[in-house]
């Protein structure tokens, strides 16, 4: 089983982000805005957008990005072939790492292959 998070699992280009945001398939929760589209690849991909306006401290932004990437990396084998763009919300800063992981596990369960 391959748990790496290489470049092929990332959204890297501006046009990829714009394509997902333009389609307007989204899920809005208390902690995240998740935009997604089904892709033609055989693996899911992740893009993260966190602005300084939403989460002021760089340490908090980096911690949240790290947790998002790690959670995606551990769950990608169970996720359908979808491209995700995730916008974390400010309230996420108040949670500890375990609480964030639990929220992310619930999020990935929505898009699990066996659902």
PDB file of N, CA and C in Angstrom:
ATOM      1  N   UNK A   1       0.833  -1.173   0.000  1.00  0.00           N
ATOM      2  CA  UNK A   1       0.000   0.000   0.000  1.00  0.00           C
ATOM      3  C   UNK A   1       0.886   1.247   0.000  1.00  0.00           C
ATOM      4  N   UNK A   2       0.553   2.199  -0.856  1.00  0.00           N
ATOM      5  CA  UNK A   2       1.363   3.395  -1.008  1.00  0.00           C
ATOM      6  C   UNK A   2       0.693   4.573  -0.300  1.00  0.00           C
ATOM      7  N   UNK A   3       1.319   5.080   0.748  1.00  0.00           N
ATOM      8  CA  UNK A   3       0.749   6.189   1.505  1.00  0.00           C
ATOM      9  C   UNK A   3       1.429   7.518   1.204  1.00  0.00           C
ATOM     10  N   UNK A   4       2.200   7.597   0.123  1.00  0.00           N
ATOM     11  CA  UNK A   4       2.917   8.844  -0.157  1.00  0.00           C
ATOM     12  C   UNK A   4       1.940   9.935  -0.607  1.00  0.00           C
ATOM     13  N   UNK A   5       2.387  11.162  -0.542  1.00  0.00           N
ATOM     14  CA  UNK A   5       1.605  12.304  -1.009  1.00  0.00           C
ATOM     15  C   UNK A   5       2.453  13.031  -2.048  1.00  0.00           C
ATOM     16  N   UNK A   6       2.609  12.399  -3.194  1.00  0.00           N
ATOM     17  CA  UNK A   6       3.456  12.953  -4.244  1.00  0.00           C
ATOM     18  C   UNK A   6       2.690  14.004  -5.048  1.00  0.00           C
ATOM     19  N   UNK A   7       3.362  14.589  -6.026  1.00  0.00           N
ATOM     20  CA  UNK A   7       2.773  15.660  -6.825  1.00  0.00           C
ATOM     21  C   UNK A   7       1.517  15.234  -7.562  1.00  0.00           C
ATOM     22  N   UNK A   8       1.416  13.978  -7.916  1.00  0.00           N
ATOM     23  CA  UNK A   8       0.241  13.556  -8.680  1.00  0.00           C
ATOM     24  C   UNK A   8      -1.047  13.638  -7.860  1.00  0.00           C
ATOM     25  N   UNK A   9      -0.943  13.687  -6.545  1.00  0.00           N
ATOM     26  CA  UNK A   9      -2.114  13.793  -5.676  1.00  0.00           C
ATOM     27  C   UNK A   9      -2.448  15.241  -5.310  1.00  0.00           C
ATOM     28  N   UNK A  10      -1.733  16.198  -5.872  1.00  0.00           N
ATOM     29  CA  UNK A  10      -1.937  17.611  -5.547  1.00  0.00           C
ATOM     30  C   UNK A  10      -2.516  18.346  -6.746  1.00  0.00           C
ATOM     31  N   UNK A  11      -3.311  19.340  -6.466  1.00  0.00           N
ATOM     32  CA  UNK A  11      -3.707  20.284  -7.502  1.00  0.00           C
ATOM     33  C   UNK A  11      -2.612  21.337  -7.545  1.00  0.00           C
ATOM     34  N   UNK A  12      -1.979  21.490  -8.690  1.00  0.00           N
ATOM     35  CA  UNK A  12      -0.792  22.334  -8.770  1.00  0.00           C
ATOM     36  C   UNK A  12      -1.003  23.616  -9.559  1.00  0.00           C
ATOM     37  N   UNK A  13      -1.924  23.613 -10.501  1.00  0.00           N
ATOM     38  CA  UNK A  13      -2.041  24.728 -11.427  1.00  0.00           C
ATOM     39  C   UNK A  13      -3.306  25.538 -11.176  1.00  0.00           C
ATOM     40  N   UNK A  14      -3.206  26.815 -11.499  1.00  0.00           N
ATOM     41  CA  UNK A  14      -4.306  27.741 -11.299  1.00  0.00           C
ATOM     42  C   UNK A  14      -5.559  27.294 -12.054  1.00  0.00           C
ATOM     43  N   UNK A  15      -5.398  26.815 -13.284  1.00  0.00           N
ATOM     44  CA  UNK A  15      -6.563  26.402 -14.075  1.00  0.00           C
ATOM     45  C   UNK A  15      -7.274  25.205 -13.446  1.00  0.00           C
ATOM     46  N   UNK A  16      -6.560  24.354 -12.721  1.00  0.00           N
ATOM     47  CA  UNK A  16      -7.204  23.224 -12.044  1.00  0.00           C
ATOM     48  C   UNK A  16      -8.097  23.725 -10.909  1.00  0.00           C
ATOM     49  N   UNK A  17      -7.596  24.688 -10.149  1.00  0.00           N
ATOM     50  CA  UNK A  17      -8.395  25.273  -9.074  1.00  0.00           C
ATOM     51  C   UNK A  17      -9.614  25.990  -9.652  1.00  0.00           C
ATOM     52  N   UNK A  18      -9.411  26.791 -10.692  1.00  0.00           N
ATOM     53  CA  UNK A  18     -10.517  27.542 -11.290  1.00  0.00           C
ATOM     54  C   UNK A  18     -11.585  26.612 -11.840  1.00  0.00           C
ATOM     55  N   UNK A  19     -11.176  25.517 -12.447  1.00  0.00           N
ATOM     56  CA  UNK A  19     -12.122  24.553 -12.995  1.00  0.00           C
ATOM     57  C   UNK A  19     -13.020  23.981 -11.895  1.00  0.00           C
ATOM     58  N   UNK A  20     -12.447  23.654 -10.774  1.00  0.00           N
ATOM     59  CA  UNK A  20     -13.224  23.090  -9.658  1.00  0.00           C
ATOM     60  C   UNK A  20     -14.149  24.142  -9.055  1.00  0.00           C
ATOM     61  N   UNK A  21     -13.635  25.347  -8.852  1.00  0.00           N
ATOM     62  CA  UNK A  21     -14.447  26.401  -8.252  1.00  0.00           C
ATOM     63  C   UNK A  21     -15.573  26.843  -9.188  1.00  0.00           C
ATOM     64  N   UNK A  22     -15.355  26.767 -10.488  1.00  0.00           N
ATOM     65  CA  UNK A  22     -16.356  27.170 -11.473  1.00  0.00           C
ATOM     66  C   UNK A  22     -17.544  26.211 -11.502  1.00  0.00           C
ATOM     67  N   UNK A  23     -17.312  24.933 -11.260  1.00  0.00           N
ATOM     68  CA  UNK A  23     -18.380  23.925 -11.325  1.00  0.00           C
ATOM     69  C   UNK A  23     -19.386  24.066 -10.186  1.00  0.00           C
ATOM     70  N   UNK A  24     -18.973  24.642  -9.096  1.00  0.00           N
ATOM     71  CA  UNK A  24     -19.846  24.940  -7.953  1.00  0.00           C
ATOM     72  C   UNK A  24     -20.469  23.717  -7.285  1.00  0.00           C
ATOM     73  N   UNK A  25     -19.825  22.567  -7.376  1.00  0.00           N
ATOM     74  CA  UNK A  25     -20.225  21.432  -6.539  1.00  0.00           C
ATOM     75  C   UNK A  25     -19.549  21.654  -5.199  1.00  0.00           C
ATOM     76  N   UNK A  26     -20.320  21.845  -4.155  1.00  0.00           N
ATOM     77  CA  UNK A  26     -19.679  22.156  -2.883  1.00  0.00           C
ATOM     78  C   UNK A  26     -20.475  21.614  -1.710  1.00  0.00           C
ATOM     79  N   UNK A  27     -19.727  21.460  -0.631  1.00  0.00           N
ATOM     80  CA  UNK A  27     -20.305  21.092   0.654  1.00  0.00           C
ATOM     81  C   UNK A  27     -19.818  22.139   1.639  1.00  0.00           C
ATOM     82  N   UNK A  28     -20.749  22.757   2.339  1.00  0.00           N
ATOM     83  CA  UNK A  28     -20.392  23.782   3.313  1.00  0.00           C
ATOM     84  C   UNK A  28     -20.711  23.241   4.694  1.00  0.00           C
ATOM     85  N   UNK A  29     -19.690  23.206   5.543  1.00  0.00           N
ATOM     86  CA  UNK A  29     -19.872  22.772   6.925  1.00  0.00           C
ATOM     87  C   UNK A  29     -19.458  23.916   7.840  1.00  0.00           C
ATOM     88  N   UNK A  30     -19.554  23.692   9.110  1.00  0.00           N
ATOM     89  CA  UNK A  30     -19.153  24.700  10.081  1.00  0.00           C
ATOM     90  C   UNK A  30     -17.657  24.981  10.011  1.00  0.00           C
ATOM     91  N   UNK A  31     -16.871  23.988   9.611  1.00  0.00           N
ATOM     92  CA  UNK A  31     -15.418  24.103   9.669  1.00  0.00           C
ATOM     93  C   UNK A  31     -14.736  24.216   8.310  1.00  0.00           C
ATOM     94  N   UNK A  32     -15.405  23.799   7.228  1.00  0.00           N
ATOM     95  CA  UNK A  32     -14.789  23.785   5.899  1.00  0.00           C
ATOM     96  C   UNK A  32     -15.791  24.193   4.833  1.00  0.00           C
ATOM     97  N   UNK A  33     -15.277  24.761   3.751  1.00  0.00           N
ATOM     98  CA  UNK A  33     -15.984  24.820   2.477  1.00  0.00           C
ATOM     99  C   UNK A  33     -15.224  23.878   1.557  1.00  0.00           C
ATOM    100  N   UNK A  34     -15.905  22.895   1.013  1.00  0.00           N
ATOM    101  CA  UNK A  34     -15.259  21.898   0.162  1.00  0.00           C
ATOM    102  C   UNK A  34     -15.875  21.976  -1.228  1.00  0.00           C
ATOM    103  N   UNK A  35     -15.051  22.288  -2.220  1.00  0.00           N
ATOM    104  CA  UNK A  35     -15.456  22.269  -3.617  1.00  0.00           C
ATOM    105  C   UNK A  35     -14.870  21.008  -4.235  1.00  0.00           C
ATOM    106  N   UNK A  36     -15.612  20.380  -5.143  1.00  0.00           N
ATOM    107  CA  UNK A  36     -15.111  19.129  -5.707  1.00  0.00           C
ATOM    108  C   UNK A  36     -15.679  18.895  -7.098  1.00  0.00           C
ATOM    109  N   UNK A  37     -14.955  18.118  -7.889  1.00  0.00           N
ATOM    110  CA  UNK A  37     -15.455  17.577  -9.151  1.00  0.00           C
ATOM    111  C   UNK A  37     -14.877  16.173  -9.309  1.00  0.00           C
ATOM    112  N   UNK A  38     -15.607  15.331  -9.997  1.00  0.00           N
ATOM    113  CA  UNK A  38     -15.089  14.003 -10.313  1.00  0.00           C
ATOM    114  C   UNK A  38     -14.061  14.153 -11.420  1.00  0.00           C
ATOM    115  N   UNK A  39     -12.950  13.435 -11.290  1.00  0.00           N
ATOM    116  CA  UNK A  39     -11.906  13.533 -12.307  1.00  0.00           C
ATOM    117  C   UNK A  39     -11.849  12.257 -13.144  1.00  0.00           C
ATOM    118  N   UNK A  40     -11.066  12.301 -14.212  1.00  0.00           N
ATOM    119  CA  UNK A  40     -10.911  11.146 -15.102  1.00  0.00           C
ATOM    120  C   UNK A  40      -9.661  10.344 -14.772  1.00  0.00           C
ATOM    121  N   UNK A  41      -9.082  10.596 -13.641  1.00  0.00           N
ATOM    122  CA  UNK A  41      -7.867   9.909 -13.223  1.00  0.00           C
ATOM    123  C   UNK A  41      -8.239   8.707 -12.364  1.00  0.00           C
ATOM    124  N   UNK A  42      -7.250   7.965 -11.943  1.00  0.00           N
ATOM    125  CA  UNK A  42      -7.536   6.794 -11.099  1.00  0.00           C
ATOM    126  C   UNK A  42      -7.136   7.050  -9.647  1.00  0.00           C
ATOM    127  N   UNK A  43      -7.116   8.327  -9.266  1.00  0.00           N
ATOM    128  CA  UNK A  43      -6.764   8.694  -7.898  1.00  0.00           C
ATOM    129  C   UNK A  43      -7.373  10.058  -7.587  1.00  0.00           C
ATOM    130  N   UNK A  44      -7.625  10.342  -6.312  1.00  0.00           N
ATOM    131  CA  UNK A  44      -8.132  11.656  -5.916  1.00  0.00           C
ATOM    132  C   UNK A  44      -6.990  12.663  -5.809  1.00  0.00           C
ATOM    133  N   UNK A  45      -7.329  13.953  -5.878  1.00  0.00           N
ATOM    134  CA  UNK A  45      -6.322  15.005  -5.713  1.00  0.00           C
ATOM    135  C   UNK A  45      -6.857  16.062  -4.751  1.00  0.00           C
ATOM    136  N   UNK A  46      -5.929  16.771  -4.113  1.00  0.00           N
ATOM    137  CA  UNK A  46      -6.287  17.737  -3.079  1.00  0.00           C
ATOM    138  C   UNK A  46      -5.628  19.078  -3.344  1.00  0.00           C
ATOM    139  N   UNK A  47      -6.400  20.146  -3.157  1.00  0.00           N
ATOM    140  CA  UNK A  47      -5.889  21.506  -3.166  1.00  0.00           C
ATOM    141  C   UNK A  47      -6.391  22.210  -1.918  1.00  0.00           C
ATOM    142  N   UNK A  48      -5.535  23.015  -1.314  1.00  0.00           N
ATOM    143  CA  UNK A  48      -5.887  23.707  -0.069  1.00  0.00           C
ATOM    144  C   UNK A  48      -5.683  25.198  -0.280  1.00  0.00           C
ATOM    145  N   UNK A  49      -6.687  25.988   0.102  1.00  0.00           N
ATOM    146  CA  UNK A  49      -6.578  27.443   0.023  1.00  0.00           C
ATOM    147  C   UNK A  49      -6.902  28.007   1.397  1.00  0.00           C
ATOM    148  N   UNK A  50      -5.912  28.668   2.001  1.00  0.00           N
ATOM    149  CA  UNK A  50      -6.119  29.330   3.294  1.00  0.00           C
ATOM    150  C   UNK A  50      -5.544  30.736   3.170  1.00  0.00           C
ATOM    151  N   UNK A  51      -6.390  31.734   3.246  1.00  0.00           N
ATOM    152  CA  UNK A  51      -5.897  33.104   3.134  1.00  0.00           C
ATOM    153  C   UNK A  51      -5.504  33.649   4.506  1.00  0.00           C
ATOM    154  N   UNK A  52      -4.655  34.643   4.453  1.00  0.00           N
ATOM    155  CA  UNK A  52      -4.211  35.300   5.679  1.00  0.00           C
ATOM    156  C   UNK A  52      -5.371  36.043   6.338  1.00  0.00           C
ATOM    157  N   UNK A  53      -6.340  36.442   5.541  1.00  0.00           N
ATOM    158  CA  UNK A  53      -7.501  37.155   6.063  1.00  0.00           C
ATOM    159  C   UNK A  53      -8.358  36.242   6.946  1.00  0.00           C
ATOM    160  N   UNK A  54      -8.414  34.964   6.601  1.00  0.00           N
ATOM    161  CA  UNK A  54      -9.238  34.013   7.354  1.00  0.00           C
ATOM    162  C   UNK A  54      -8.505  33.510   8.589  1.00  0.00           C
ATOM    163  N   UNK A  55      -7.261  33.069   8.413  1.00  0.00           N
ATOM    164  CA  UNK A  55      -6.464  32.561   9.538  1.00  0.00           C
ATOM    165  C   UNK A  55      -5.177  33.365   9.583  1.00  0.00           C
ATOM    166  N   UNK A  56      -5.079  34.233  10.559  1.00  0.00           N
ATOM    167  CA  UNK A  56      -4.039  35.239  10.596  1.00  0.00           C
ATOM    168  C   UNK A  56      -2.643  34.696  10.841  1.00  0.00           C
ATOM    169  N   UNK A  57      -2.491  33.805  11.797  1.00  0.00           N
ATOM    170  CA  UNK A  57      -1.157  33.327  12.161  1.00  0.00           C
ATOM    171  C   UNK A  57      -0.667  32.261  11.185  1.00  0.00           C
ATOM    172  N   UNK A  58       0.549  32.444  10.708  1.00  0.00           N
ATOM    173  CA  UNK A  58       1.107  31.475   9.759  1.00  0.00           C
ATOM    174  C   UNK A  58       1.272  30.104  10.402  1.00  0.00           C
ATOM    175  N   UNK A  59       1.554  30.073  11.686  1.00  0.00           N
ATOM    176  CA  UNK A  59       1.706  28.777  12.361  1.00  0.00           C
ATOM    177  C   UNK A  59       0.388  28.004  12.343  1.00  0.00           C
ATOM    178  N   UNK A  60      -0.733  28.705  12.516  1.00  0.00           N
ATOM    179  CA  UNK A  60      -2.044  28.044  12.446  1.00  0.00           C
ATOM    180  C   UNK A  60      -2.361  27.595  11.022  1.00  0.00           C
ATOM    181  N   UNK A  61      -2.064  28.454  10.046  1.00  0.00           N
ATOM    182  CA  UNK A  61      -2.295  28.078   8.643  1.00  0.00           C
ATOM    183  C   UNK A  61      -1.490  26.839   8.277  1.00  0.00           C
ATOM    184  N   UNK A  62      -0.225  26.829   8.663  1.00  0.00           N
ATOM    185  CA  UNK A  62       0.640  25.695   8.334  1.00  0.00           C
ATOM    186  C   UNK A  62       0.208  24.421   9.050  1.00  0.00           C
ATOM    187  N   UNK A  63      -0.221  24.547  10.299  1.00  0.00           N
ATOM    188  CA  UNK A  63      -0.685  23.380  11.055  1.00  0.00           C
ATOM    189  C   UNK A  63      -1.919  22.779  10.393  1.00  0.00           C
ATOM    190  N   UNK A  64      -2.850  23.622   9.994  1.00  0.00           N
ATOM    191  CA  UNK A  64      -4.076  23.132   9.364  1.00  0.00           C
ATOM    192  C   UNK A  64      -3.770  22.490   8.012  1.00  0.00           C
ATOM    193  N   UNK A  65      -2.896  23.111   7.225  1.00  0.00           N
ATOM    194  CA  UNK A  65      -2.510  22.510   5.939  1.00  0.00           C
ATOM    195  C   UNK A  65      -1.831  21.159   6.141  1.00  0.00           C
ATOM    196  N   UNK A  66      -0.966  21.087   7.131  1.00  0.00           N
ATOM    197  CA  UNK A  66      -0.266  19.833   7.418  1.00  0.00           C
ATOM    198  C   UNK A  66      -1.257  18.735   7.809  1.00  0.00           C
ATOM    199  N   UNK A  67      -2.227  19.080   8.643  1.00  0.00           N
ATOM    200  CA  UNK A  67      -3.228  18.098   9.067  1.00  0.00           C
ATOM    201  C   UNK A  67      -4.119  17.664   7.900  1.00  0.00           C
ATOM    202  N   UNK A  68      -4.497  18.609   7.045  1.00  0.00           N
ATOM    203  CA  UNK A  68      -5.297  18.266   5.869  1.00  0.00           C
ATOM    204  C   UNK A  68      -4.551  17.309   4.947  1.00  0.00           C
ATOM    205  N   UNK A  69      -3.293  17.614   4.679  1.00  0.00           N
ATOM    206  CA  UNK A  69      -2.490  16.752   3.806  1.00  0.00           C
ATOM    207  C   UNK A  69      -2.298  15.366   4.412  1.00  0.00           C
ATOM    208  N   UNK A  70      -2.020  15.323   5.698  1.00  0.00           N
ATOM    209  CA  UNK A  70      -1.788  14.041   6.368  1.00  0.00           C
ATOM    210  C   UNK A  70      -3.059  13.186   6.380  1.00  0.00           C
ATOM    211  N   UNK A  71      -4.179  13.802   6.674  1.00  0.00           N
ATOM    212  CA  UNK A  71      -5.438  13.069   6.688  1.00  0.00           C
ATOM    213  C   UNK A  71      -5.779  12.553   5.287  1.00  0.00           C
ATOM    214  N   UNK A  72      -5.579  13.391   4.287  1.00  0.00           N
ATOM    215  CA  UNK A  72      -5.824  12.974   2.902  1.00  0.00           C
ATOM    216  C   UNK A  72      -4.905  11.817   2.517  1.00  0.00           C
ATOM    217  N   UNK A  73      -3.650  11.923   2.880  1.00  0.00           N
ATOM    218  CA  UNK A  73      -2.656  10.899   2.557  1.00  0.00           C
ATOM    219  C   UNK A  73      -3.055   9.546   3.142  1.00  0.00           C
ATOM    220  N   UNK A  74      -3.543   9.553   4.369  1.00  0.00           N
ATOM    221  CA  UNK A  74      -3.903   8.304   5.032  1.00  0.00           C
ATOM    222  C   UNK A  74      -5.224   7.715   4.507  1.00  0.00           C
ATOM    223  N   UNK A  75      -6.085   8.557   3.931  1.00  0.00           N
ATOM    224  CA  UNK A  75      -7.409   8.093   3.503  1.00  0.00           C
ATOM    225  C   UNK A  75      -7.582   8.008   1.993  1.00  0.00           C
ATOM    226  N   UNK A  76      -6.590   8.397   1.218  1.00  0.00           N
ATOM    227  CA  UNK A  76      -6.777   8.501  -0.233  1.00  0.00           C
ATOM    228  C   UNK A  76      -7.121   7.173  -0.899  1.00  0.00           C
ATOM    229  N   UNK A  77      -6.718   6.069  -0.316  1.00  0.00           N
ATOM    230  CA  UNK A  77      -7.031   4.765  -0.925  1.00  0.00           C
ATOM    231  C   UNK A  77      -8.526   4.463  -0.862  1.00  0.00           C
ATOM    232  N   UNK A  78      -9.257   5.112   0.044  1.00  0.00           N
ATOM    233  CA  UNK A  78     -10.694   4.877   0.207  1.00  0.00           C
ATOM    234  C   UNK A  78     -11.564   5.934  -0.462  1.00  0.00           C
ATOM    235  N   UNK A  79     -10.954   6.974  -1.022  1.00  0.00           N
ATOM    236  CA  UNK A  79     -11.706   8.097  -1.572  1.00  0.00           C
ATOM    237  C   UNK A  79     -11.929   7.878  -3.065  1.00  0.00           C
ATOM    238  N   UNK A  80     -13.123   8.250  -3.531  1.00  0.00           N
ATOM    239  CA  UNK A  80     -13.420   8.176  -4.962  1.00  0.00           C
ATOM    240  C   UNK A  80     -12.484   9.092  -5.739  1.00  0.00           C
ATOM    241  N   UNK A  81     -12.534   8.983  -7.059  1.00  0.00           N
ATOM    242  CA  UNK A  81     -11.643   9.762  -7.922  1.00  0.00           C
ATOM    243  C   UNK A  81     -12.210  11.171  -8.089  1.00  0.00           C
ATOM    244  N   UNK A  82     -11.908  12.007  -7.112  1.00  0.00           N
ATOM    245  CA  UNK A  82     -12.455  13.357  -7.033  1.00  0.00           C
ATOM    246  C   UNK A  82     -11.312  14.330  -6.796  1.00  0.00           C
ATOM    247  N   UNK A  83     -11.422  15.519  -7.416  1.00  0.00           N
ATOM    248  CA  UNK A  83     -10.511  16.616  -7.111  1.00  0.00           C
ATOM    249  C   UNK A  83     -11.187  17.499  -6.070  1.00  0.00           C
ATOM    250  N   UNK A  84     -10.483  17.781  -4.980  1.00  0.00           N
ATOM    251  CA  UNK A  84     -11.013  18.588  -3.882  1.00  0.00           C
ATOM    252  C   UNK A  84     -10.253  19.899  -3.770  1.00  0.00           C
ATOM    253  N   UNK A  85     -10.981  20.972  -3.490  1.00  0.00           N
ATOM    254  CA  UNK A  85     -10.375  22.221  -3.036  1.00  0.00           C
ATOM    255  C   UNK A  85     -11.037  22.530  -1.706  1.00  0.00           C
ATOM    256  N   UNK A  86     -10.224  22.664  -0.674  1.00  0.00           N
ATOM    257  CA  UNK A  86     -10.749  22.865   0.679  1.00  0.00           C
ATOM    258  C   UNK A  86     -10.357  24.244   1.187  1.00  0.00           C
ATOM    259  N   UNK A  87     -11.362  24.969   1.676  1.00  0.00           N
ATOM    260  CA  UNK A  87     -11.176  26.252   2.334  1.00  0.00           C
ATOM    261  C   UNK A  87     -11.496  26.070   3.817  1.00  0.00           C
ATOM    262  N   UNK A  88     -10.505  25.973   4.676  1.00  0.00           N
ATOM    263  CA  UNK A  88     -10.793  25.894   6.113  1.00  0.00           C
ATOM    264  C   UNK A  88     -11.353  27.229   6.620  1.00  0.00           C
ATOM    265  N   UNK A  89     -12.167  27.163   7.659  1.00  0.00           N
ATOM    266  CA  UNK A  89     -12.730  28.378   8.255  1.00  0.00           C
ATOM    267  C   UNK A  89     -11.989  28.732   9.539  1.00  0.00           C
ATOM    268  N   UNK A  90     -12.183  29.950   9.976  1.00  0.00           N
ATOM    269  CA  UNK A  90     -11.458  30.503  11.123  1.00  0.00           C
ATOM    270  C   UNK A  90     -11.662  29.691  12.398  1.00  0.00           C
ATOM    271  N   UNK A  91     -12.828  29.153  12.591  1.00  0.00           N
ATOM    272  CA  UNK A  91     -13.152  28.421  13.820  1.00  0.00           C
ATOM    273  C   UNK A  91     -12.263  27.188  14.003  1.00  0.00           C
ATOM    274  N   UNK A  92     -11.680  26.706  12.917  1.00  0.00           N
ATOM    275  CA  UNK A  92     -10.816  25.524  12.971  1.00  0.00           C
ATOM    276  C   UNK A  92      -9.582  25.752  13.837  1.00  0.00           C
ATOM    277  N   UNK A  93      -9.147  26.997  13.970  1.00  0.00           N
ATOM    278  CA  UNK A  93      -7.960  27.315  14.784  1.00  0.00           C
ATOM    279  C   UNK A  93      -8.162  26.965  16.251  1.00  0.00           C
ATOM    280  N   UNK A  94      -9.407  26.968  16.698  1.00  0.00           N
ATOM    281  CA  UNK A  94      -9.690  26.725  18.109  1.00  0.00           C
ATOM    282  C   UNK A  94      -9.678  25.249  18.481  1.00  0.00           C
ATOM    283  N   UNK A  95      -9.596  24.375  17.488  1.00  0.00           N
ATOM    284  CA  UNK A  95      -9.633  22.936  17.748  1.00  0.00           C
ATOM    285  C   UNK A  95      -8.225  22.367  17.850  1.00  0.00           C
ATOM    286  N   UNK A  96      -8.104  21.283  18.598  1.00  0.00           N
ATOM    287  CA  UNK A  96      -6.795  20.621  18.656  1.00  0.00           C
ATOM    288  C   UNK A  96      -6.668  19.638  17.487  1.00  0.00           C
ATOM    289  N   UNK A  97      -5.495  19.067  17.334  1.00  0.00           N
ATOM    290  CA  UNK A  97      -5.212  18.209  16.182  1.00  0.00           C
ATOM    291  C   UNK A  97      -6.124  16.989  16.113  1.00  0.00           C
ATOM    292  N   UNK A  98      -6.400  16.368  17.238  1.00  0.00           N
ATOM    293  CA  UNK A  98      -7.261  15.178  17.241  1.00  0.00           C
ATOM    294  C   UNK A  98      -8.681  15.507  16.790  1.00  0.00           C
ATOM    295  N   UNK A  99      -9.186  16.645  17.217  1.00  0.00           N
ATOM    296  CA  UNK A  99     -10.528  17.052  16.800  1.00  0.00           C
ATOM    297  C   UNK A  99     -10.572  17.330  15.298  1.00  0.00           C
ATOM    298  N   UNK A 100      -9.525  17.943  14.780  1.00  0.00           N
ATOM    299  CA  UNK A 100      -9.464  18.226  13.341  1.00  0.00           C
ATOM    300  C   UNK A 100      -9.390  16.925  12.552  1.00  0.00           C
ATOM    301  N   UNK A 101      -8.580  15.972  13.015  1.00  0.00           N
ATOM    302  CA  UNK A 101      -8.495  14.678  12.334  1.00  0.00           C
ATOM    303  C   UNK A 101      -9.850  13.978  12.308  1.00  0.00           C
ATOM    304  N   UNK A 102     -10.585  14.068  13.397  1.00  0.00           N
ATOM    305  CA  UNK A 102     -11.906  13.434  13.445  1.00  0.00           C
ATOM    306  C   UNK A 102     -12.856  14.083  12.434  1.00  0.00           C
ATOM    307  N   UNK A 103     -12.828  15.409  12.351  1.00  0.00           N
ATOM    308  CA  UNK A 103     -13.655  16.114  11.367  1.00  0.00           C
ATOM    309  C   UNK A 103     -13.289  15.709   9.941  1.00  0.00           C
ATOM    310  N   UNK A 104     -11.990  15.598   9.699  1.00  0.00           N
ATOM    311  CA  UNK A 104     -11.528  15.227   8.360  1.00  0.00           C
ATOM    312  C   UNK A 104     -11.893  13.786   8.021  1.00  0.00           C
ATOM    313  N   UNK A 105     -11.815  12.899   8.985  1.00  0.00           N
ATOM    314  CA  UNK A 105     -12.233  11.515   8.740  1.00  0.00           C
ATOM    315  C   UNK A 105     -13.709  11.456   8.353  1.00  0.00           C
ATOM    316  N   UNK A 106     -14.533  12.262   9.027  1.00  0.00           N
ATOM    317  CA  UNK A 106     -15.951  12.330   8.672  1.00  0.00           C
ATOM    318  C   UNK A 106     -16.131  12.872   7.255  1.00  0.00           C
ATOM    319  N   UNK A 107     -15.324  13.867   6.908  1.00  0.00           N
ATOM    320  CA  UNK A 107     -15.392  14.441   5.565  1.00  0.00           C
ATOM    321  C   UNK A 107     -15.029  13.408   4.504  1.00  0.00           C
ATOM    322  N   UNK A 108     -13.937  12.679   4.718  1.00  0.00           N
ATOM    323  CA  UNK A 108     -13.509  11.691   3.719  1.00  0.00           C
ATOM    324  C   UNK A 108     -14.502  10.531   3.633  1.00  0.00           C
ATOM    325  N   UNK A 109     -15.192  10.228   4.726  1.00  0.00           N
ATOM    326  CA  UNK A 109     -16.194   9.154   4.688  1.00  0.00           C
ATOM    327  C   UNK A 109     -17.342   9.489   3.736  1.00  0.00           C
ATOM    328  N   UNK A 110     -17.642  10.768   3.581  1.00  0.00           N
ATOM    329  CA  UNK A 110     -18.685  11.176   2.636  1.00  0.00           C
ATOM    330  C   UNK A 110     -18.345  10.772   1.206  1.00  0.00           C
ATOM    331  N   UNK A 111     -17.053  10.754   0.912  1.00  0.00           N
ATOM    332  CA  UNK A 111     -16.597  10.491  -0.456  1.00  0.00           C
ATOM    333  C   UNK A 111     -15.918   9.133  -0.577  1.00  0.00           C
ATOM    334  N   UNK A 112     -16.215   8.241   0.329  1.00  0.00           N
ATOM    335  CA  UNK A 112     -15.590   6.912   0.311  1.00  0.00           C
ATOM    336  C   UNK A 112     -16.099   6.100  -0.878  1.00  0.00           C
ATOM    337  N   UNK A 113     -15.270   5.212  -1.350  1.00  0.00           N
ATOM    338  CA  UNK A 113     -15.597   4.378  -2.509  1.00  0.00           C
ATOM    339  C   UNK A 113     -16.798   3.492  -2.225  1.00  0.00           C
ATOM    340  N   UNK A 114     -16.904   2.985  -1.019  1.00  0.00           N
ATOM    341  CA  UNK A 114     -17.988   2.050  -0.700  1.00  0.00           C
ATOM    342  C   UNK A 114     -19.286   2.738  -0.297  1.00  0.00           C
ATOM    343  N   UNK A 115     -19.378   4.062  -0.406  1.00  0.00           N
ATOM    344  CA  UNK A 115     -20.637   4.781  -0.114  1.00  0.00           C
ATOM    345  C   UNK A 115     -21.502   4.857  -1.338  1.00  0.00           C
TER     346      UNK A 115
END
